[in-house]
Amino acid sequence: MPSFDIVSEVDLVEVKNALDQCNKEVGNRYDFKGSDARVEQAEKVLTMYADAEFQLDQVKDVLINKLAKRNVDVRCLEYGKVEKVSGNKVKQTVTVKVGVETELAKKLVRIIKDSKIKVQASIQGDTVRVTGAKRDNLQEVIALMRKEITDFPLQYQNFRD
């Protein structure tokens, strides 16, 4: 039985490289001279620091540009609220979402079942496995997912015949 997995993965090495490039650019820019603007990483959580909120927005723009150049899908970022630190300094946490959450996985399974394509979809941890008798049916499901889910990055891996 042919099958494939619907997953959502982010290359954390590329995120780290983009973060280093972002910090280098922020350190070299004239409008950030003398400020404490930077981005730090702790596993899948990025923390942006700046002296004011408008600088935080500029740091976010630089970060998004660097991530996009390194082929990291920016739809996987979830922004926290802007918090005040000491004085007038601000920070914002950004979570890198990895894996298909159960709510999204249930939505994917529902879309597949409602499509009446002759395949079975099952949730396995943070992936959704789709199994069918024909390869063409599986390709139909991939095309359907690309059309239906536009707000979250999905990859289709582990294709077995």
N, C-alpha and C. Protein backbone atom coordinates (compact mmCIF):
# COMPACT_ATOMS: atom_id res chain seq x y z
N MET A 1 0.84 -1.19 0.00
CA MET A 1 0.00 0.00 0.00
C MET A 1 0.88 1.25 0.00
N PRO A 2 0.76 2.08 -1.01
CA PRO A 2 1.52 3.34 -1.02
C PRO A 2 1.06 4.27 0.11
N SER A 3 2.02 5.01 0.65
CA SER A 3 1.68 5.95 1.72
C SER A 3 2.68 7.10 1.72
N PHE A 4 2.30 8.18 2.43
CA PHE A 4 3.21 9.29 2.67
C PHE A 4 2.80 9.98 3.96
N ASP A 5 3.68 10.82 4.47
CA ASP A 5 3.43 11.55 5.71
C ASP A 5 3.32 13.03 5.42
N ILE A 6 2.36 13.67 6.08
CA ILE A 6 2.23 15.13 6.05
C ILE A 6 2.89 15.63 7.33
N VAL A 7 3.95 16.42 7.20
CA VAL A 7 4.69 16.91 8.36
C VAL A 7 4.91 18.42 8.21
N SER A 8 5.40 19.02 9.29
CA SER A 8 5.81 20.42 9.25
C SER A 8 7.14 20.49 9.99
N GLU A 9 8.21 20.65 9.22
CA GLU A 9 9.54 20.69 9.81
C GLU A 9 10.24 21.98 9.43
N VAL A 10 11.13 22.42 10.31
CA VAL A 10 11.92 23.62 10.07
C VAL A 10 13.38 23.24 10.31
N ASP A 11 14.26 23.66 9.40
CA ASP A 11 15.68 23.40 9.55
C ASP A 11 16.24 24.39 10.57
N LEU A 12 16.47 23.94 11.80
CA LEU A 12 16.92 24.82 12.87
C LEU A 12 18.33 25.34 12.65
N VAL A 13 19.14 24.63 11.85
CA VAL A 13 20.48 25.12 11.52
C VAL A 13 20.36 26.37 10.65
N GLU A 14 19.43 26.34 9.70
CA GLU A 14 19.21 27.52 8.85
C GLU A 14 18.65 28.68 9.66
N VAL A 15 17.81 28.38 10.65
CA VAL A 15 17.29 29.43 11.53
C VAL A 15 18.44 30.07 12.29
N LYS A 16 19.36 29.26 12.79
CA LYS A 16 20.52 29.77 13.52
C LYS A 16 21.39 30.64 12.62
N ASN A 17 21.62 30.19 11.38
CA ASN A 17 22.41 30.97 10.43
C ASN A 17 21.73 32.30 10.11
N ALA A 18 20.42 32.28 9.91
CA ALA A 18 19.69 33.52 9.62
C ALA A 18 19.74 34.45 10.82
N LEU A 19 19.70 33.89 12.01
CA LEU A 19 19.78 34.69 13.24
C LEU A 19 21.14 35.38 13.34
N ASP A 20 22.21 34.64 13.04
CA ASP A 20 23.55 35.23 13.07
C ASP A 20 23.67 36.37 12.05
N GLN A 21 23.13 36.15 10.85
CA GLN A 21 23.16 37.20 9.83
C GLN A 21 22.35 38.42 10.27
N CYS A 22 21.22 38.17 10.89
CA CYS A 22 20.37 39.26 11.37
C CYS A 22 21.11 40.09 12.41
N ASN A 23 21.72 39.42 13.38
CA ASN A 23 22.46 40.13 14.43
C ASN A 23 23.63 40.93 13.85
N LYS A 24 24.28 40.36 12.83
CA LYS A 24 25.40 41.06 12.20
C LYS A 24 24.90 42.33 11.49
N GLU A 25 23.79 42.21 10.76
CA GLU A 25 23.26 43.37 10.05
C GLU A 25 22.77 44.44 11.02
N VAL A 26 22.09 44.03 12.09
CA VAL A 26 21.59 44.99 13.09
C VAL A 26 22.77 45.68 13.76
N GLY A 27 23.85 44.96 14.01
CA GLY A 27 25.03 45.56 14.63
C GLY A 27 25.74 46.55 13.72
N ASN A 28 25.62 46.36 12.41
CA ASN A 28 26.31 47.23 11.46
C ASN A 28 25.47 48.42 10.99
N ARG A 29 24.16 48.36 11.18
CA ARG A 29 23.31 49.43 10.66
C ARG A 29 23.46 50.71 11.46
N TYR A 30 23.43 51.83 10.75
CA TYR A 30 23.63 53.14 11.38
C TYR A 30 22.50 53.47 12.35
N ASP A 31 21.26 53.15 11.99
CA ASP A 31 20.13 53.50 12.85
C ASP A 31 20.07 52.67 14.13
N PHE A 32 20.90 51.64 14.25
CA PHE A 32 20.96 50.85 15.48
C PHE A 32 22.22 51.11 16.30
N LYS A 33 23.04 52.10 15.90
CA LYS A 33 24.29 52.38 16.62
C LYS A 33 23.97 52.77 18.07
N GLY A 34 24.66 52.16 18.99
CA GLY A 34 24.49 52.47 20.42
C GLY A 34 23.25 51.86 21.05
N SER A 35 22.49 51.10 20.29
CA SER A 35 21.28 50.48 20.87
C SER A 35 21.59 49.03 21.24
N ASP A 36 20.68 48.45 21.98
CA ASP A 36 20.84 47.08 22.46
C ASP A 36 19.95 46.13 21.66
N ALA A 37 19.83 46.36 20.36
CA ALA A 37 18.97 45.54 19.51
C ALA A 37 19.70 44.25 19.15
N ARG A 38 19.01 43.12 19.37
CA ARG A 38 19.61 41.82 19.05
C ARG A 38 18.51 40.75 19.05
N VAL A 39 18.88 39.57 18.57
CA VAL A 39 17.98 38.41 18.58
C VAL A 39 18.75 37.26 19.20
N GLU A 40 18.13 36.58 20.17
CA GLU A 40 18.75 35.42 20.81
C GLU A 40 17.90 34.19 20.56
N GLN A 41 18.55 33.02 20.60
CA GLN A 41 17.84 31.76 20.35
C GLN A 41 18.05 30.79 21.51
N ALA A 42 16.96 30.17 21.93
CA ALA A 42 17.00 29.08 22.90
C ALA A 42 16.13 27.96 22.32
N GLU A 43 16.78 26.98 21.70
CA GLU A 43 16.09 25.89 21.01
C GLU A 43 15.13 26.44 19.96
N LYS A 44 13.81 26.32 20.18
CA LYS A 44 12.84 26.74 19.18
C LYS A 44 12.18 28.07 19.54
N VAL A 45 12.78 28.81 20.47
CA VAL A 45 12.24 30.10 20.88
C VAL A 45 13.27 31.18 20.59
N LEU A 46 12.87 32.18 19.80
CA LEU A 46 13.72 33.31 19.51
C LEU A 46 13.22 34.49 20.34
N THR A 47 14.13 35.29 20.87
CA THR A 47 13.76 36.47 21.63
C THR A 47 14.42 37.68 20.99
N MET A 48 13.58 38.65 20.60
CA MET A 48 14.08 39.88 19.99
C MET A 48 14.10 40.98 21.04
N TYR A 49 15.21 41.71 21.13
CA TYR A 49 15.35 42.81 22.07
C TYR A 49 15.59 44.09 21.28
N ALA A 50 15.07 45.23 21.78
CA ALA A 50 15.32 46.52 21.16
C ALA A 50 15.07 47.62 22.19
N ASP A 51 15.49 48.85 21.82
CA ASP A 51 15.31 49.98 22.72
C ASP A 51 13.90 50.55 22.66
N ALA A 52 13.23 50.41 21.54
CA ALA A 52 11.87 50.93 21.38
C ALA A 52 11.08 49.99 20.47
N GLU A 53 9.76 50.20 20.45
CA GLU A 53 8.91 49.29 19.68
C GLU A 53 9.16 49.40 18.18
N PHE A 54 9.41 50.63 17.68
CA PHE A 54 9.66 50.76 16.24
C PHE A 54 10.96 50.07 15.84
N GLN A 55 11.96 50.06 16.76
CA GLN A 55 13.20 49.33 16.46
C GLN A 55 12.94 47.83 16.47
N LEU A 56 12.05 47.39 17.36
CA LEU A 56 11.69 45.97 17.41
C LEU A 56 11.06 45.54 16.08
N ASP A 57 10.22 46.40 15.51
CA ASP A 57 9.62 46.09 14.20
C ASP A 57 10.68 46.00 13.12
N GLN A 58 11.69 46.88 13.19
CA GLN A 58 12.77 46.83 12.20
C GLN A 58 13.60 45.56 12.36
N VAL A 59 13.86 45.15 13.59
CA VAL A 59 14.60 43.91 13.83
C VAL A 59 13.79 42.73 13.28
N LYS A 60 12.47 42.76 13.49
CA LYS A 60 11.60 41.69 12.99
C LYS A 60 11.67 41.63 11.46
N ASP A 61 11.65 42.79 10.79
CA ASP A 61 11.74 42.82 9.33
C ASP A 61 13.06 42.23 8.85
N VAL A 62 14.15 42.59 9.51
CA VAL A 62 15.47 42.07 9.13
C VAL A 62 15.49 40.55 9.31
N LEU A 63 14.95 40.07 10.44
CA LEU A 63 14.91 38.63 10.73
C LEU A 63 14.09 37.90 9.67
N ILE A 64 12.94 38.42 9.32
CA ILE A 64 12.08 37.77 8.33
C ILE A 64 12.79 37.71 6.98
N ASN A 65 13.47 38.80 6.60
CA ASN A 65 14.20 38.80 5.33
C ASN A 65 15.30 37.75 5.32
N LYS A 66 16.04 37.65 6.42
CA LYS A 66 17.15 36.68 6.48
C LYS A 66 16.61 35.25 6.47
N LEU A 67 15.49 35.00 7.16
CA LEU A 67 14.89 33.67 7.15
C LEU A 67 14.41 33.31 5.74
N ALA A 68 13.79 34.27 5.07
CA ALA A 68 13.27 34.00 3.73
C ALA A 68 14.41 33.71 2.75
N LYS A 69 15.53 34.41 2.88
CA LYS A 69 16.67 34.16 2.00
C LYS A 69 17.27 32.78 2.22
N ARG A 70 17.09 32.23 3.42
CA ARG A 70 17.64 30.90 3.73
C ARG A 70 16.58 29.81 3.56
N ASN A 71 15.50 30.12 2.88
CA ASN A 71 14.42 29.17 2.58
C ASN A 71 13.75 28.59 3.81
N VAL A 72 13.62 29.40 4.86
CA VAL A 72 12.85 29.00 6.04
C VAL A 72 11.48 29.67 5.90
N ASP A 73 10.43 28.88 5.92
CA ASP A 73 9.08 29.41 5.74
C ASP A 73 8.70 30.24 6.97
N VAL A 74 8.40 31.51 6.77
CA VAL A 74 8.11 32.40 7.90
C VAL A 74 6.70 32.19 8.45
N ARG A 75 5.89 31.35 7.79
CA ARG A 75 4.56 31.04 8.33
C ARG A 75 4.65 30.16 9.57
N CYS A 76 5.81 29.58 9.83
CA CYS A 76 5.98 28.72 11.01
C CYS A 76 6.31 29.53 12.25
N LEU A 77 6.40 30.86 12.14
CA LEU A 77 6.72 31.70 13.30
C LEU A 77 5.44 32.16 13.98
N GLU A 78 5.45 32.07 15.30
CA GLU A 78 4.31 32.54 16.10
C GLU A 78 4.83 33.61 17.04
N TYR A 79 4.31 34.83 16.90
CA TYR A 79 4.82 35.96 17.66
C TYR A 79 4.07 36.10 18.98
N GLY A 80 4.84 36.33 20.05
CA GLY A 80 4.25 36.61 21.35
C GLY A 80 3.97 38.10 21.46
N LYS A 81 3.50 38.52 22.63
CA LYS A 81 3.21 39.95 22.79
C LYS A 81 4.50 40.69 23.14
N VAL A 82 4.50 41.98 22.88
CA VAL A 82 5.65 42.83 23.16
C VAL A 82 5.65 43.16 24.65
N GLU A 83 6.77 42.87 25.33
CA GLU A 83 6.86 43.10 26.77
C GLU A 83 7.88 44.19 27.05
N LYS A 84 7.61 44.98 28.08
CA LYS A 84 8.58 45.99 28.49
C LYS A 84 9.59 45.34 29.43
N VAL A 85 10.85 45.68 29.22
CA VAL A 85 11.92 45.21 30.10
C VAL A 85 12.32 46.45 30.91
N SER A 86 13.49 46.50 31.46
CA SER A 86 13.91 47.62 32.29
C SER A 86 13.92 48.92 31.49
N GLY A 87 13.46 49.99 32.09
CA GLY A 87 13.43 51.28 31.42
C GLY A 87 12.45 51.29 30.27
N ASN A 88 12.91 51.73 29.11
CA ASN A 88 12.02 51.75 27.95
C ASN A 88 12.36 50.66 26.95
N LYS A 89 13.18 49.71 27.33
CA LYS A 89 13.56 48.61 26.44
C LYS A 89 12.40 47.62 26.34
N VAL A 90 12.30 46.98 25.17
CA VAL A 90 11.22 46.03 24.93
C VAL A 90 11.79 44.72 24.38
N LYS A 91 11.01 43.66 24.54
CA LYS A 91 11.39 42.37 23.98
C LYS A 91 10.14 41.67 23.48
N GLN A 92 10.35 40.73 22.56
CA GLN A 92 9.25 39.95 22.02
C GLN A 92 9.76 38.54 21.75
N THR A 93 8.97 37.55 22.15
CA THR A 93 9.36 36.17 21.89
C THR A 93 8.69 35.69 20.60
N VAL A 94 9.43 34.87 19.86
CA VAL A 94 8.95 34.30 18.61
C VAL A 94 9.17 32.79 18.72
N THR A 95 8.11 32.02 18.60
CA THR A 95 8.20 30.57 18.69
C THR A 95 8.21 29.98 17.28
N VAL A 96 9.17 29.08 17.05
CA VAL A 96 9.24 28.36 15.78
C VAL A 96 8.41 27.09 15.93
N LYS A 97 7.29 27.04 15.20
CA LYS A 97 6.38 25.90 15.32
C LYS A 97 6.87 24.75 14.45
N VAL A 98 7.07 23.60 15.08
CA VAL A 98 7.53 22.41 14.38
C VAL A 98 6.52 21.30 14.67
N GLY A 99 6.16 20.56 13.65
CA GLY A 99 5.21 19.47 13.83
C GLY A 99 3.79 19.93 13.58
N VAL A 100 2.94 19.00 13.21
CA VAL A 100 1.54 19.29 12.96
C VAL A 100 0.81 19.15 14.29
N GLU A 101 0.23 20.25 14.78
CA GLU A 101 -0.50 20.22 16.04
C GLU A 101 -1.76 19.39 15.88
N THR A 102 -2.30 18.86 16.98
CA THR A 102 -3.45 17.97 16.91
C THR A 102 -4.67 18.64 16.29
N GLU A 103 -4.87 19.92 16.57
CA GLU A 103 -6.02 20.63 16.00
C GLU A 103 -5.92 20.69 14.47
N LEU A 104 -4.73 21.01 13.98
CA LEU A 104 -4.51 21.06 12.53
C LEU A 104 -4.57 19.66 11.93
N ALA A 105 -4.04 18.67 12.65
CA ALA A 105 -4.07 17.29 12.16
C ALA A 105 -5.51 16.81 11.99
N LYS A 106 -6.37 17.14 12.96
CA LYS A 106 -7.79 16.76 12.85
C LYS A 106 -8.44 17.45 11.65
N LYS A 107 -8.07 18.71 11.42
CA LYS A 107 -8.60 19.45 10.27
C LYS A 107 -8.16 18.79 8.96
N LEU A 108 -6.88 18.37 8.89
CA LEU A 108 -6.37 17.70 7.69
C LEU A 108 -7.12 16.40 7.43
N VAL A 109 -7.31 15.60 8.47
CA VAL A 109 -8.02 14.32 8.33
C VAL A 109 -9.45 14.57 7.87
N ARG A 110 -10.10 15.61 8.43
CA ARG A 110 -11.48 15.93 8.05
C ARG A 110 -11.54 16.34 6.57
N ILE A 111 -10.60 17.16 6.11
CA ILE A 111 -10.57 17.58 4.70
C ILE A 111 -10.40 16.37 3.79
N ILE A 112 -9.51 15.45 4.19
CA ILE A 112 -9.27 14.26 3.37
C ILE A 112 -10.52 13.38 3.31
N LYS A 113 -11.19 13.19 4.45
CA LYS A 113 -12.40 12.36 4.46
C LYS A 113 -13.53 12.99 3.68
N ASP A 114 -13.67 14.32 3.79
CA ASP A 114 -14.75 15.01 3.06
C ASP A 114 -14.53 15.03 1.56
N SER A 115 -13.28 14.83 1.11
CA SER A 115 -12.97 14.89 -0.31
C SER A 115 -13.44 13.64 -1.05
N LYS A 116 -13.76 12.58 -0.33
CA LYS A 116 -14.21 11.31 -0.90
C LYS A 116 -13.15 10.62 -1.76
N ILE A 117 -11.88 10.98 -1.57
CA ILE A 117 -10.79 10.27 -2.25
C ILE A 117 -10.57 8.97 -1.47
N LYS A 118 -10.32 7.89 -2.18
CA LYS A 118 -10.22 6.58 -1.53
C LYS A 118 -8.86 6.38 -0.88
N VAL A 119 -8.65 7.07 0.26
CA VAL A 119 -7.44 6.95 1.06
C VAL A 119 -7.83 6.96 2.52
N GLN A 120 -6.91 6.51 3.37
CA GLN A 120 -7.11 6.57 4.81
C GLN A 120 -6.07 7.52 5.39
N ALA A 121 -6.50 8.36 6.31
CA ALA A 121 -5.59 9.28 6.98
C ALA A 121 -5.61 8.99 8.47
N SER A 122 -4.43 8.91 9.07
CA SER A 122 -4.36 8.66 10.51
C SER A 122 -3.33 9.59 11.13
N ILE A 123 -3.64 10.03 12.35
CA ILE A 123 -2.74 10.93 13.07
C ILE A 123 -1.76 10.07 13.85
N GLN A 124 -0.46 10.33 13.65
CA GLN A 124 0.58 9.59 14.36
C GLN A 124 1.55 10.60 14.97
N GLY A 125 1.26 10.98 16.20
CA GLY A 125 2.10 11.96 16.88
C GLY A 125 1.94 13.33 16.24
N ASP A 126 3.03 13.88 15.72
CA ASP A 126 2.94 15.20 15.08
C ASP A 126 3.00 15.09 13.55
N THR A 127 2.60 13.93 13.03
CA THR A 127 2.50 13.74 11.58
C THR A 127 1.13 13.14 11.25
N VAL A 128 0.74 13.27 10.00
CA VAL A 128 -0.49 12.64 9.51
C VAL A 128 -0.07 11.69 8.40
N ARG A 129 -0.34 10.41 8.56
CA ARG A 129 0.00 9.42 7.54
C ARG A 129 -1.22 9.16 6.66
N VAL A 130 -0.99 9.23 5.36
CA VAL A 130 -2.05 9.00 4.38
C VAL A 130 -1.69 7.74 3.60
N THR A 131 -2.62 6.77 3.57
CA THR A 131 -2.40 5.49 2.90
C THR A 131 -3.52 5.27 1.89
N GLY A 132 -3.16 4.78 0.72
CA GLY A 132 -4.16 4.51 -0.30
C GLY A 132 -3.72 3.38 -1.20
N ALA A 133 -4.64 2.88 -2.01
CA ALA A 133 -4.33 1.75 -2.89
C ALA A 133 -3.57 2.20 -4.13
N LYS A 134 -3.82 3.44 -4.58
CA LYS A 134 -3.19 3.91 -5.82
C LYS A 134 -2.36 5.16 -5.56
N ARG A 135 -1.26 5.25 -6.27
CA ARG A 135 -0.37 6.42 -6.16
C ARG A 135 -1.10 7.70 -6.62
N ASP A 136 -1.96 7.57 -7.61
CA ASP A 136 -2.69 8.73 -8.12
C ASP A 136 -3.58 9.35 -7.05
N ASN A 137 -4.19 8.50 -6.22
CA ASN A 137 -5.03 9.02 -5.13
C ASN A 137 -4.20 9.82 -4.14
N LEU A 138 -2.99 9.35 -3.85
CA LEU A 138 -2.12 10.07 -2.93
C LEU A 138 -1.70 11.42 -3.51
N GLN A 139 -1.45 11.44 -4.81
CA GLN A 139 -1.08 12.70 -5.45
C GLN A 139 -2.25 13.68 -5.46
N GLU A 140 -3.47 13.16 -5.57
CA GLU A 140 -4.66 14.00 -5.45
C GLU A 140 -4.75 14.64 -4.07
N VAL A 141 -4.43 13.85 -3.04
CA VAL A 141 -4.48 14.37 -1.67
C VAL A 141 -3.44 15.47 -1.49
N ILE A 142 -2.24 15.28 -2.03
CA ILE A 142 -1.19 16.31 -1.91
C ILE A 142 -1.66 17.59 -2.59
N ALA A 143 -2.25 17.48 -3.79
CA ALA A 143 -2.75 18.66 -4.50
C ALA A 143 -3.87 19.34 -3.71
N LEU A 144 -4.73 18.53 -3.09
CA LEU A 144 -5.81 19.09 -2.28
C LEU A 144 -5.27 19.84 -1.07
N MET A 145 -4.27 19.27 -0.40
CA MET A 145 -3.69 19.92 0.78
C MET A 145 -3.00 21.23 0.40
N ARG A 146 -2.32 21.25 -0.73
CA ARG A 146 -1.65 22.48 -1.18
C ARG A 146 -2.67 23.57 -1.47
N LYS A 147 -3.84 23.17 -1.95
CA LYS A 147 -4.88 24.15 -2.27
C LYS A 147 -5.61 24.62 -1.01
N GLU A 148 -5.90 23.72 -0.10
CA GLU A 148 -6.72 24.03 1.08
C GLU A 148 -5.95 24.73 2.20
N ILE A 149 -4.75 24.24 2.52
CA ILE A 149 -4.00 24.76 3.67
C ILE A 149 -2.95 25.75 3.15
N THR A 150 -3.20 27.04 3.36
CA THR A 150 -2.27 28.06 2.89
C THR A 150 -1.63 28.84 4.02
N ASP A 151 -2.14 28.67 5.24
CA ASP A 151 -1.65 29.49 6.36
C ASP A 151 -0.60 28.78 7.21
N PHE A 152 -0.22 27.56 6.85
CA PHE A 152 0.76 26.81 7.63
C PHE A 152 1.63 26.00 6.68
N PRO A 153 2.96 25.98 6.89
CA PRO A 153 3.83 25.25 5.96
C PRO A 153 3.76 23.73 6.19
N LEU A 154 3.45 23.00 5.15
CA LEU A 154 3.39 21.54 5.23
C LEU A 154 4.35 20.94 4.22
N GLN A 155 4.98 19.83 4.61
CA GLN A 155 5.83 19.07 3.69
C GLN A 155 5.26 17.67 3.58
N TYR A 156 5.54 17.05 2.45
CA TYR A 156 5.03 15.70 2.17
C TYR A 156 6.24 14.80 2.00
N GLN A 157 6.44 13.92 2.98
CA GLN A 157 7.66 13.13 3.02
C GLN A 157 7.34 11.65 3.14
N ASN A 158 8.42 10.86 3.12
CA ASN A 158 8.35 9.43 3.39
C ASN A 158 7.39 8.73 2.42
N PHE A 159 7.45 9.10 1.15
CA PHE A 159 6.57 8.50 0.15
C PHE A 159 7.03 7.08 -0.12
N ARG A 160 6.15 6.13 0.15
CA ARG A 160 6.48 4.71 -0.05
C ARG A 160 5.54 4.10 -1.07
N ASP A 161 6.08 3.22 -1.89
CA ASP A 161 5.24 2.55 -2.90
C ASP A 161 4.87 1.15 -2.48
